[in-house]
All heavy atoms as atom14 arrays in JSON, in Angstrom:
{
  "sequence": "CFLVALAAFFSSIDPAIQSPQDQRESLRQLFQSCLKGMAQGEQVYLY",
  "atom14_mask": [
    [1, 1, 1, 1, 1, 1, 0, 0, 0, 0, 0, 0, 0, 0],
    [1, 1, 1, 1, 1, 1, 1, 1, 1, 1, 1, 0, 0, 0],
    [1, 1, 1, 1, 1, 1, 1, 1, 0, 0, 0, 0, 0, 0],
    [1, 1, 1, 1, 1, 1, 1, 0, 0, 0, 0, 0, 0, 0],
    [1, 1, 1, 1, 1, 0, 0, 0, 0, 0, 0, 0, 0, 0],
    [1, 1, 1, 1, 1, 1, 1, 1, 0, 0, 0, 0, 0, 0],
    [1, 1, 1, 1, 1, 0, 0, 0, 0, 0, 0, 0, 0, 0],
    [1, 1, 1, 1, 1, 0, 0, 0, 0, 0, 0, 0, 0, 0],
    [1, 1, 1, 1, 1, 1, 1, 1, 1, 1, 1, 0, 0, 0],
    [1, 1, 1, 1, 1, 1, 1, 1, 1, 1, 1, 0, 0, 0],
    [1, 1, 1, 1, 1, 1, 0, 0, 0, 0, 0, 0, 0, 0],
    [1, 1, 1, 1, 1, 1, 0, 0, 0, 0, 0, 0, 0, 0],
    [1, 1, 1, 1, 1, 1, 1, 1, 0, 0, 0, 0, 0, 0],
    [1, 1, 1, 1, 1, 1, 1, 1, 0, 0, 0, 0, 0, 0],
    [1, 1, 1, 1, 1, 1, 1, 0, 0, 0, 0, 0, 0, 0],
    [1, 1, 1, 1, 1, 0, 0, 0, 0, 0, 0, 0, 0, 0],
    [1, 1, 1, 1, 1, 1, 1, 1, 0, 0, 0, 0, 0, 0],
    [1, 1, 1, 1, 1, 1, 1, 1, 1, 0, 0, 0, 0, 0],
    [1, 1, 1, 1, 1, 1, 0, 0, 0, 0, 0, 0, 0, 0],
    [1, 1, 1, 1, 1, 1, 1, 0, 0, 0, 0, 0, 0, 0],
    [1, 1, 1, 1, 1, 1, 1, 1, 1, 0, 0, 0, 0, 0],
    [1, 1, 1, 1, 1, 1, 1, 1, 0, 0, 0, 0, 0, 0],
    [1, 1, 1, 1, 1, 1, 1, 1, 1, 0, 0, 0, 0, 0],
    [1, 1, 1, 1, 1, 1, 1, 1, 1, 1, 1, 0, 0, 0],
    [1, 1, 1, 1, 1, 1, 1, 1, 1, 0, 0, 0, 0, 0],
    [1, 1, 1, 1, 1, 1, 0, 0, 0, 0, 0, 0, 0, 0],
    [1, 1, 1, 1, 1, 1, 1, 1, 0, 0, 0, 0, 0, 0],
    [1, 1, 1, 1, 1, 1, 1, 1, 1, 1, 1, 0, 0, 0],
    [1, 1, 1, 1, 1, 1, 1, 1, 1, 0, 0, 0, 0, 0],
    [1, 1, 1, 1, 1, 1, 1, 1, 0, 0, 0, 0, 0, 0],
    [1, 1, 1, 1, 1, 1, 1, 1, 1, 1, 1, 0, 0, 0],
    [1, 1, 1, 1, 1, 1, 1, 1, 1, 0, 0, 0, 0, 0],
    [1, 1, 1, 1, 1, 1, 0, 0, 0, 0, 0, 0, 0, 0],
    [1, 1, 1, 1, 1, 1, 0, 0, 0, 0, 0, 0, 0, 0],
    [1, 1, 1, 1, 1, 1, 1, 1, 0, 0, 0, 0, 0, 0],
    [1, 1, 1, 1, 1, 1, 1, 1, 1, 0, 0, 0, 0, 0],
    [1, 1, 1, 1, 0, 0, 0, 0, 0, 0, 0, 0, 0, 0],
    [1, 1, 1, 1, 1, 1, 1, 1, 0, 0, 0, 0, 0, 0],
    [1, 1, 1, 1, 1, 0, 0, 0, 0, 0, 0, 0, 0, 0],
    [1, 1, 1, 1, 1, 1, 1, 1, 1, 0, 0, 0, 0, 0],
    [1, 1, 1, 1, 0, 0, 0, 0, 0, 0, 0, 0, 0, 0],
    [1, 1, 1, 1, 1, 1, 1, 1, 1, 0, 0, 0, 0, 0],
    [1, 1, 1, 1, 1, 1, 1, 1, 1, 0, 0, 0, 0, 0],
    [1, 1, 1, 1, 1, 1, 1, 0, 0, 0, 0, 0, 0, 0],
    [1, 1, 1, 1, 1, 1, 1, 1, 1, 1, 1, 1, 0, 0],
    [1, 1, 1, 1, 1, 1, 1, 1, 0, 0, 0, 0, 0, 0],
    [1, 1, 1, 1, 1, 1, 1, 1, 1, 1, 1, 1, 0, 0]
  ],
  "atom14_positions": [
    [[-67.38, -39.48, -65.58], [-67.31, -38.27, -64.74], [-68.19, -38.3, -63.52], [-67.88, -37.76, -62.4], [-67.58, -37.12, -65.75], [-66.21, -36.82, -66.88], [0.0, 0.0, 0.0], [0.0, 0.0, 0.0], [0.0, 0.0, 0.0], [0.0, 0.0, 0.0], [0.0, 0.0, 0.0], [0.0, 0.0, 0.0], [0.0, 0.0, 0.0], [0.0, 0.0, 0.0]],
    [[-69.42, -38.75, -63.77], [-70.37, -38.75, -62.67], [-69.94, -39.57, -61.47], [-70.11, -39.16, -60.29], [-71.77, -39.35, -63.2], [-72.86, -39.4, -62.22], [-73.65, -38.18, -61.99], [-73.05, -40.49, -61.38], [-74.7, -38.22, -61.09], [-74.05, -40.42, -60.54], [-74.89, -39.4, -60.4], [0.0, 0.0, 0.0], [0.0, 0.0, 0.0], [0.0, 0.0, 0.0]],
    [[-69.3, -40.71, -61.75], [-68.85, -41.64, -60.69], [-67.68, -40.95, -59.94], [-67.56, -41.08, -58.77], [-68.53, -42.98, -61.26], [-69.52, -43.91, -61.82], [-69.03, -45.16, -62.43], [-70.62, -44.16, -60.9], [0.0, 0.0, 0.0], [0.0, 0.0, 0.0], [0.0, 0.0, 0.0], [0.0, 0.0, 0.0], [0.0, 0.0, 0.0], [0.0, 0.0, 0.0]],
    [[-66.7, -40.26, -60.67], [-65.66, -39.61, -60.05], [-66.21, -38.48, -59.15], [-65.71, -38.22, -58.05], [-64.72, -39.0, -61.12], [-63.72, -38.12, -60.48], [-63.94, -40.25, -61.84], [0.0, 0.0, 0.0], [0.0, 0.0, 0.0], [0.0, 0.0, 0.0], [0.0, 0.0, 0.0], [0.0, 0.0, 0.0], [0.0, 0.0, 0.0], [0.0, 0.0, 0.0]],
    [[-67.2, -37.74, -59.68], [-67.9, -36.73, -58.81], [-68.45, -37.31, -57.65], [-68.34, -36.55, -56.47], [-68.88, -35.94, -59.63], [0.0, 0.0, 0.0], [0.0, 0.0, 0.0], [0.0, 0.0, 0.0], [0.0, 0.0, 0.0], [0.0, 0.0, 0.0], [0.0, 0.0, 0.0], [0.0, 0.0, 0.0], [0.0, 0.0, 0.0], [0.0, 0.0, 0.0]],
    [[-69.13, -38.33, -57.65], [-69.71, -39.0, -56.51], [-68.65, -39.34, -55.45], [-68.78, -39.03, -54.33], [-70.54, -40.2, -57.04], [-71.23, -41.05, -55.96], [-72.3, -40.37, -55.28], [-71.61, -42.41, -56.44], [0.0, 0.0, 0.0], [0.0, 0.0, 0.0], [0.0, 0.0, 0.0], [0.0, 0.0, 0.0], [0.0, 0.0, 0.0], [0.0, 0.0, 0.0]],
    [[-67.54, -40.08, -55.96], [-66.59, -40.49, -55.06], [-65.84, -39.33, -54.34], [-65.6, -39.24, -53.09], [-65.55, -41.33, -55.76], [0.0, 0.0, 0.0], [0.0, 0.0, 0.0], [0.0, 0.0, 0.0], [0.0, 0.0, 0.0], [0.0, 0.0, 0.0], [0.0, 0.0, 0.0], [0.0, 0.0, 0.0], [0.0, 0.0, 0.0], [0.0, 0.0, 0.0]],
    [[-65.53, -38.22, -55.21], [-64.85, -37.08, -54.71], [-65.76, -36.35, -53.68], [-65.25, -35.7, -52.57], [-64.4, -36.14, -55.71], [0.0, 0.0, 0.0], [0.0, 0.0, 0.0], [0.0, 0.0, 0.0], [0.0, 0.0, 0.0], [0.0, 0.0, 0.0], [0.0, 0.0, 0.0], [0.0, 0.0, 0.0], [0.0, 0.0, 0.0], [0.0, 0.0, 0.0]],
    [[-67.04, -36.38, -53.92], [-67.93, -35.64, -52.94], [-67.9, -36.32, -51.63], [-67.82, -35.74, -50.47], [-69.36, -35.65, -53.47], [-70.45, -35.2, -52.42], [-70.61, -33.9, -52.15], [-71.3, -36.22, -51.84], [-71.47, -33.53, -51.06], [-72.15, -35.83, -50.86], [-72.32, -34.46, -50.57], [0.0, 0.0, 0.0], [0.0, 0.0, 0.0], [0.0, 0.0, 0.0]],
    [[-68.01, -37.66, -51.57], [-67.83, -38.46, -50.35], [-66.5, -38.2, -49.56], [-66.48, -38.18, -48.4], [-68.11, -39.92, -50.51], [-69.64, -40.19, -50.54], [-70.4, -40.14, -51.58], [-70.3, -40.6, -49.37], [-71.82, -40.37, -51.68], [-71.56, -40.84, -49.28], [-72.31, -40.76, -50.44], [0.0, 0.0, 0.0], [0.0, 0.0, 0.0], [0.0, 0.0, 0.0]],
    [[-65.47, -38.02, -50.48], [-63.99, -37.85, -49.87], [-64.14, -36.5, -49.22], [-63.19, -36.15, -48.38], [-63.08, -37.92, -50.97], [-62.93, -39.16, -51.53], [0.0, 0.0, 0.0], [0.0, 0.0, 0.0], [0.0, 0.0, 0.0], [0.0, 0.0, 0.0], [0.0, 0.0, 0.0], [0.0, 0.0, 0.0], [0.0, 0.0, 0.0], [0.0, 0.0, 0.0]],
    [[-65.02, -35.62, -49.53], [-64.93, -34.24, -49.04], [-65.61, -34.14, -47.74], [-65.35, -33.2, -47.04], [-65.59, -33.31, -50.04], [-65.18, -33.36, -51.36], [0.0, 0.0, 0.0], [0.0, 0.0, 0.0], [0.0, 0.0, 0.0], [0.0, 0.0, 0.0], [0.0, 0.0, 0.0], [0.0, 0.0, 0.0], [0.0, 0.0, 0.0], [0.0, 0.0, 0.0]],
    [[-66.36, -35.08, -47.39], [-67.27, -35.03, -46.1], [-66.38, -34.82, -44.83], [-66.61, -33.95, -44.05], [-68.06, -36.26, -45.95], [-69.17, -36.17, -47.15], [-68.81, -36.25, -44.68], [-70.28, -37.27, -47.15], [0.0, 0.0, 0.0], [0.0, 0.0, 0.0], [0.0, 0.0, 0.0], [0.0, 0.0, 0.0], [0.0, 0.0, 0.0], [0.0, 0.0, 0.0]],
    [[-65.25, -35.75, -44.67], [-64.49, -35.58, -43.5], [-63.71, -34.28, -43.46], [-63.92, -33.58, -42.37], [-63.51, -36.86, -43.42], [-64.24, -37.93, -42.53], [-65.39, -37.86, -42.21], [-63.51, -39.02, -42.16], [0.0, 0.0, 0.0], [0.0, 0.0, 0.0], [0.0, 0.0, 0.0], [0.0, 0.0, 0.0], [0.0, 0.0, 0.0], [0.0, 0.0, 0.0]],
    [[-62.96, -33.95, -44.43], [-62.1, -32.69, -44.26], [-62.92, -31.38, -44.3], [-62.65, -30.45, -43.6], [-61.25, -32.73, -45.51], [-61.71, -33.79, -46.52], [-62.62, -34.75, -45.74], [0.0, 0.0, 0.0], [0.0, 0.0, 0.0], [0.0, 0.0, 0.0], [0.0, 0.0, 0.0], [0.0, 0.0, 0.0], [0.0, 0.0, 0.0], [0.0, 0.0, 0.0]],
    [[-64.11, -31.41, -45.03], [-64.77, -30.1, -45.11], [-65.98, -29.98, -44.16], [-66.25, -28.94, -43.76], [-65.38, -30.0, -46.56], [0.0, 0.0, 0.0], [0.0, 0.0, 0.0], [0.0, 0.0, 0.0], [0.0, 0.0, 0.0], [0.0, 0.0, 0.0], [0.0, 0.0, 0.0], [0.0, 0.0, 0.0], [0.0, 0.0, 0.0], [0.0, 0.0, 0.0]],
    [[-66.55, -31.14, -43.85], [-67.69, -31.04, -42.95], [-67.53, -31.68, -41.45], [-67.84, -31.07, -40.47], [-68.89, -31.91, -43.53], [-69.4, -31.38, -44.87], [-70.12, -31.86, -42.54], [-70.39, -32.07, -45.54], [0.0, 0.0, 0.0], [0.0, 0.0, 0.0], [0.0, 0.0, 0.0], [0.0, 0.0, 0.0], [0.0, 0.0, 0.0], [0.0, 0.0, 0.0]],
    [[-66.79, -32.74, -41.39], [-66.58, -33.35, -40.07], [-65.45, -32.67, -39.26], [-65.56, -32.53, -38.08], [-66.32, -34.78, -40.21], [-67.4, -35.65, -40.84], [-68.55, -35.84, -39.93], [-69.22, -34.97, -39.39], [-68.88, -37.08, -39.88], [0.0, 0.0, 0.0], [0.0, 0.0, 0.0], [0.0, 0.0, 0.0], [0.0, 0.0, 0.0], [0.0, 0.0, 0.0]],
    [[-64.4, -32.37, -39.87], [-63.18, -31.91, -39.17], [-63.44, -30.57, -38.48], [-62.89, -30.3, -37.35], [-61.99, -31.75, -40.08], [-62.23, -30.79, -41.16], [0.0, 0.0, 0.0], [0.0, 0.0, 0.0], [0.0, 0.0, 0.0], [0.0, 0.0, 0.0], [0.0, 0.0, 0.0], [0.0, 0.0, 0.0], [0.0, 0.0, 0.0], [0.0, 0.0, 0.0]],
    [[-64.25, -29.67, -39.01], [-64.54, -28.49, -38.14], [-65.24, -28.73, -36.92], [-65.17, -27.87, -35.93], [-65.52, -27.69, -39.03], [-65.13, -28.05, -40.37], [-64.79, -29.47, -40.42], [0.0, 0.0, 0.0], [0.0, 0.0, 0.0], [0.0, 0.0, 0.0], [0.0, 0.0, 0.0], [0.0, 0.0, 0.0], [0.0, 0.0, 0.0], [0.0, 0.0, 0.0]],
    [[-65.75, -29.93, -36.66], [-66.48, -30.33, -35.42], [-65.28, -30.91, -34.38], [-65.74, -31.28, -33.24], [-67.48, -31.36, -35.69], [-68.57, -30.88, -36.47], [-69.71, -31.98, -36.73], [-70.11, -32.48, -35.79], [-70.09, -32.22, -38.06], [0.0, 0.0, 0.0], [0.0, 0.0, 0.0], [0.0, 0.0, 0.0], [0.0, 0.0, 0.0], [0.0, 0.0, 0.0]],
    [[-64.08, -31.06, -34.7], [-63.02, -31.56, -33.95], [-62.94, -30.86, -32.63], [-62.69, -31.34, -31.59], [-61.64, -31.61, -34.56], [-61.63, -32.66, -35.75], [-62.4, -33.57, -35.65], [-60.75, -32.62, -36.47], [0.0, 0.0, 0.0], [0.0, 0.0, 0.0], [0.0, 0.0, 0.0], [0.0, 0.0, 0.0], [0.0, 0.0, 0.0], [0.0, 0.0, 0.0]],
    [[-63.13, -29.57, -32.72], [-63.03, -28.78, -31.49], [-63.96, -29.19, -30.33], [-63.72, -29.1, -29.19], [-63.14, -27.36, -31.65], [-62.64, -26.4, -30.56], [-62.6, -24.9, -30.96], [-62.92, -24.58, -32.11], [-62.29, -24.05, -29.99], [0.0, 0.0, 0.0], [0.0, 0.0, 0.0], [0.0, 0.0, 0.0], [0.0, 0.0, 0.0], [0.0, 0.0, 0.0]],
    [[-65.24, -29.61, -30.85], [-66.23, -29.97, -29.87], [-66.09, -31.52, -29.48], [-66.51, -31.88, -28.42], [-67.58, -29.71, -30.46], [-67.87, -28.42, -30.65], [-69.43, -28.11, -30.77], [-70.05, -29.13, -31.67], [-70.18, -29.11, -32.88], [-69.79, -28.04, -33.57], [-70.86, -30.0, -33.55], [0.0, 0.0, 0.0], [0.0, 0.0, 0.0], [0.0, 0.0, 0.0]],
    [[-65.62, -32.35, -30.47], [-65.73, -33.81, -30.26], [-64.42, -34.39, -29.85], [-64.42, -35.61, -29.38], [-66.24, -34.4, -31.67], [-67.58, -33.93, -32.0], [-68.82, -34.32, -31.05], [-68.44, -35.19, -30.23], [-69.8, -33.74, -31.12], [0.0, 0.0, 0.0], [0.0, 0.0, 0.0], [0.0, 0.0, 0.0], [0.0, 0.0, 0.0], [0.0, 0.0, 0.0]],
    [[-63.29, -33.83, -30.17], [-62.0, -34.51, -29.92], [-61.46, -34.1, -28.6], [-61.7, -32.98, -28.15], [-61.01, -34.07, -31.2], [-59.65, -34.33, -30.77], [0.0, 0.0, 0.0], [0.0, 0.0, 0.0], [0.0, 0.0, 0.0], [0.0, 0.0, 0.0], [0.0, 0.0, 0.0], [0.0, 0.0, 0.0], [0.0, 0.0, 0.0], [0.0, 0.0, 0.0]],
    [[-60.63, -34.98, -28.07], [-60.06, -34.7, -26.81], [-58.58, -34.41, -26.9], [-57.8, -34.25, -25.96], [-60.03, -36.0, -25.87], [-61.46, -36.41, -25.5], [-61.45, -37.76, -24.71], [-62.14, -35.23, -24.6], [0.0, 0.0, 0.0], [0.0, 0.0, 0.0], [0.0, 0.0, 0.0], [0.0, 0.0, 0.0], [0.0, 0.0, 0.0], [0.0, 0.0, 0.0]],
    [[-58.09, -34.06, -28.18], [-56.64, -33.76, -28.32], [-56.36, -32.43, -27.57], [-55.19, -32.35, -27.1], [-56.45, -33.47, -29.89], [-55.02, -33.25, -30.24], [-54.81, -33.08, -31.71], [-55.11, -34.33, -32.44], [-54.23, -35.37, -32.44], [-52.95, -35.21, -32.01], [-54.48, -36.39, -33.12], [0.0, 0.0, 0.0], [0.0, 0.0, 0.0], [0.0, 0.0, 0.0]],
    [[-57.18, -31.42, -27.6], [-56.85, -30.2, -26.92], [-56.65, -30.52, -25.52], [-55.64, -29.9, -24.95], [-58.08, -29.22, -27.12], [-57.76, -27.81, -26.39], [-59.03, -26.96, -26.46], [-60.05, -27.36, -27.28], [-59.07, -25.83, -25.77], [0.0, 0.0, 0.0], [0.0, 0.0, 0.0], [0.0, 0.0, 0.0], [0.0, 0.0, 0.0], [0.0, 0.0, 0.0]],
    [[-57.37, -31.32, -24.77], [-57.18, -31.61, -23.41], [-55.88, -32.17, -23.11], [-55.17, -31.73, -22.28], [-58.35, -32.59, -22.96], [-58.39, -32.81, -21.55], [-59.85, -33.08, -21.12], [-57.65, -34.19, -21.19], [0.0, 0.0, 0.0], [0.0, 0.0, 0.0], [0.0, 0.0, 0.0], [0.0, 0.0, 0.0], [0.0, 0.0, 0.0], [0.0, 0.0, 0.0]],
    [[-55.4, -33.16, -24.01], [-54.19, -33.84, -23.67], [-52.97, -33.05, -24.11], [-51.91, -33.31, -23.77], [-54.2, -35.15, -24.31], [-55.15, -36.17, -23.59], [-56.37, -36.55, -23.89], [-54.65, -36.74, -22.44], [-57.2, -37.31, -23.18], [-55.43, -37.54, -21.56], [-56.72, -37.86, -21.97], [0.0, 0.0, 0.0], [0.0, 0.0, 0.0], [0.0, 0.0, 0.0]],
    [[-53.2, -32.05, -25.11], [-52.14, -31.07, -25.42], [-51.69, -30.25, -24.27], [-50.54, -30.05, -23.96], [-52.37, -30.28, -26.71], [-52.42, -31.16, -28.0], [-52.78, -30.35, -29.22], [-53.5, -29.26, -29.01], [-52.43, -30.65, -30.33], [0.0, 0.0, 0.0], [0.0, 0.0, 0.0], [0.0, 0.0, 0.0], [0.0, 0.0, 0.0], [0.0, 0.0, 0.0]],
    [[-52.73, -30.0, -23.53], [-52.5, -29.11, -22.32], [-51.76, -30.07, -21.25], [-50.84, -29.56, -20.61], [-53.84, -28.79, -21.65], [-53.76, -28.18, -20.42], [0.0, 0.0, 0.0], [0.0, 0.0, 0.0], [0.0, 0.0, 0.0], [0.0, 0.0, 0.0], [0.0, 0.0, 0.0], [0.0, 0.0, 0.0], [0.0, 0.0, 0.0], [0.0, 0.0, 0.0]],
    [[-52.11, -31.38, -21.17], [-51.36, -32.17, -20.25], [-49.92, -32.39, -20.66], [-48.94, -32.45, -19.9], [-52.09, -33.59, -20.21], [-53.78, -33.58, -19.52], [0.0, 0.0, 0.0], [0.0, 0.0, 0.0], [0.0, 0.0, 0.0], [0.0, 0.0, 0.0], [0.0, 0.0, 0.0], [0.0, 0.0, 0.0], [0.0, 0.0, 0.0], [0.0, 0.0, 0.0]],
    [[-49.76, -32.46, -21.95], [-48.28, -32.53, -22.46], [-47.4, -31.44, -22.12], [-46.4, -31.56, -21.79], [-48.3, -32.87, -23.96], [-48.75, -34.21, -24.49], [-48.87, -34.31, -26.04], [-47.67, -35.26, -24.17], [0.0, 0.0, 0.0], [0.0, 0.0, 0.0], [0.0, 0.0, 0.0], [0.0, 0.0, 0.0], [0.0, 0.0, 0.0], [0.0, 0.0, 0.0]],
    [[-48.09, -30.26, -22.19], [-47.36, -29.06, -21.86], [-46.92, -29.02, -20.4], [-45.84, -28.66, -19.99], [-48.11, -27.82, -22.24], [-48.4, -27.58, -23.62], [-49.19, -26.3, -23.87], [-49.45, -26.1, -25.37], [-50.48, -25.02, -25.54], [0.0, 0.0, 0.0], [0.0, 0.0, 0.0], [0.0, 0.0, 0.0], [0.0, 0.0, 0.0], [0.0, 0.0, 0.0]],
    [[-47.98, -29.53, -19.63], [-47.61, -29.66, -18.0], [-46.61, -30.61, -17.73], [-45.76, -30.51, -16.93], [0.0, 0.0, 0.0], [0.0, 0.0, 0.0], [0.0, 0.0, 0.0], [0.0, 0.0, 0.0], [0.0, 0.0, 0.0], [0.0, 0.0, 0.0], [0.0, 0.0, 0.0], [0.0, 0.0, 0.0], [0.0, 0.0, 0.0], [0.0, 0.0, 0.0]],
    [[-46.64, -31.82, -18.45], [-45.7, -32.87, -18.16], [-44.31, -32.4, -18.62], [-43.33, -32.82, -17.92], [-46.02, -34.07, -19.04], [-47.36, -34.73, -18.52], [-48.0, -36.04, -19.7], [-46.68, -37.24, -19.7], [0.0, 0.0, 0.0], [0.0, 0.0, 0.0], [0.0, 0.0, 0.0], [0.0, 0.0, 0.0], [0.0, 0.0, 0.0], [0.0, 0.0, 0.0]],
    [[-44.28, -31.62, -19.73], [-42.88, -30.99, -19.95], [-42.31, -30.07, -18.98], [-41.06, -29.99, -18.93], [-42.98, -30.3, -21.36], [0.0, 0.0, 0.0], [0.0, 0.0, 0.0], [0.0, 0.0, 0.0], [0.0, 0.0, 0.0], [0.0, 0.0, 0.0], [0.0, 0.0, 0.0], [0.0, 0.0, 0.0], [0.0, 0.0, 0.0], [0.0, 0.0, 0.0]],
    [[-43.14, -29.6, -18.13], [-42.62, -28.75, -16.96], [-42.7, -29.49, -15.62], [-42.39, -28.89, -14.62], [-43.69, -27.57, -16.8], [-43.74, -26.69, -18.05], [-44.76, -25.56, -17.9], [-45.3, -25.49, -16.93], [-44.88, -24.85, -19.05], [0.0, 0.0, 0.0], [0.0, 0.0, 0.0], [0.0, 0.0, 0.0], [0.0, 0.0, 0.0], [0.0, 0.0, 0.0]],
    [[-42.78, -30.82, -15.71], [-42.61, -31.66, -14.49], [-43.84, -31.99, -13.74], [-43.86, -32.55, -12.67], [0.0, 0.0, 0.0], [0.0, 0.0, 0.0], [0.0, 0.0, 0.0], [0.0, 0.0, 0.0], [0.0, 0.0, 0.0], [0.0, 0.0, 0.0], [0.0, 0.0, 0.0], [0.0, 0.0, 0.0], [0.0, 0.0, 0.0], [0.0, 0.0, 0.0]],
    [[-45.09, -31.59, -14.28], [-46.24, -31.79, -13.69], [-46.65, -33.23, -13.87], [-46.37, -33.84, -14.88], [-47.24, -30.75, -14.1], [-47.01, -29.36, -13.72], [-47.94, -28.39, -14.36], [-48.64, -28.74, -15.48], [-48.13, -27.22, -13.82], [0.0, 0.0, 0.0], [0.0, 0.0, 0.0], [0.0, 0.0, 0.0], [0.0, 0.0, 0.0], [0.0, 0.0, 0.0]],
    [[-47.57, -33.78, -12.94], [-47.91, -35.13, -13.0], [-49.49, -35.24, -13.3], [-50.21, -34.46, -12.79], [-47.74, -35.93, -11.62], [-46.27, -35.72, -11.09], [-46.28, -36.29, -9.63], [-46.5, -37.49, -9.42], [-45.88, -35.32, -8.73], [0.0, 0.0, 0.0], [0.0, 0.0, 0.0], [0.0, 0.0, 0.0], [0.0, 0.0, 0.0], [0.0, 0.0, 0.0]],
    [[-49.75, -36.1, -14.28], [-51.16, -36.32, -14.66], [-51.76, -37.51, -14.02], [-51.24, -38.58, -13.92], [-51.22, -36.49, -16.26], [-52.57, -36.61, -16.83], [-50.53, -35.28, -16.97], [0.0, 0.0, 0.0], [0.0, 0.0, 0.0], [0.0, 0.0, 0.0], [0.0, 0.0, 0.0], [0.0, 0.0, 0.0], [0.0, 0.0, 0.0], [0.0, 0.0, 0.0]],
    [[-53.06, -37.25, -13.6], [-53.77, -38.28, -12.89], [-55.24, -38.24, -13.46], [-55.71, -37.22, -13.91], [-53.87, -38.21, -11.41], [-52.6, -38.61, -10.78], [-51.52, -37.78, -10.75], [-52.69, -39.76, -9.97], [-50.26, -38.24, -10.16], [-51.36, -40.27, -9.37], [-50.27, -39.5, -9.48], [-49.13, -39.85, -8.83], [0.0, 0.0, 0.0], [0.0, 0.0, 0.0]],
    [[-55.87, -39.41, -13.43], [-57.32, -39.58, -13.77], [-58.16, -39.73, -12.62], [-57.75, -40.39, -11.6], [-57.52, -40.75, -14.84], [-56.72, -40.65, -16.11], [-57.04, -42.05, -16.84], [-57.09, -39.49, -16.92], [0.0, 0.0, 0.0], [0.0, 0.0, 0.0], [0.0, 0.0, 0.0], [0.0, 0.0, 0.0], [0.0, 0.0, 0.0], [0.0, 0.0, 0.0]],
    [[-59.41, -39.07, -12.58], [-60.29, -39.34, -11.51], [-61.55, -39.89, -12.05], [-62.37, -39.39, -12.91], [-60.55, -37.99, -10.85], [-61.55, -38.1, -9.74], [-61.35, -38.66, -8.47], [-62.87, -37.48, -9.93], [-62.2, -38.8, -7.48], [-63.71, -37.48, -8.7], [-63.43, -38.26, -7.61], [-64.38, -38.27, -6.55], [0.0, 0.0, 0.0], [0.0, 0.0, 0.0]]
  ]
}
């Protein structure tokens, strides 16, 4: 039981602790905005 508790605790780190930081660390939101623009015929460029 102790080993299962240990493994399950580590499995909890990403979904419970790390994923709330996605809004600050992930670029998905930025490119979702680009995908919406591309659907309307806008062109995406990098600088």
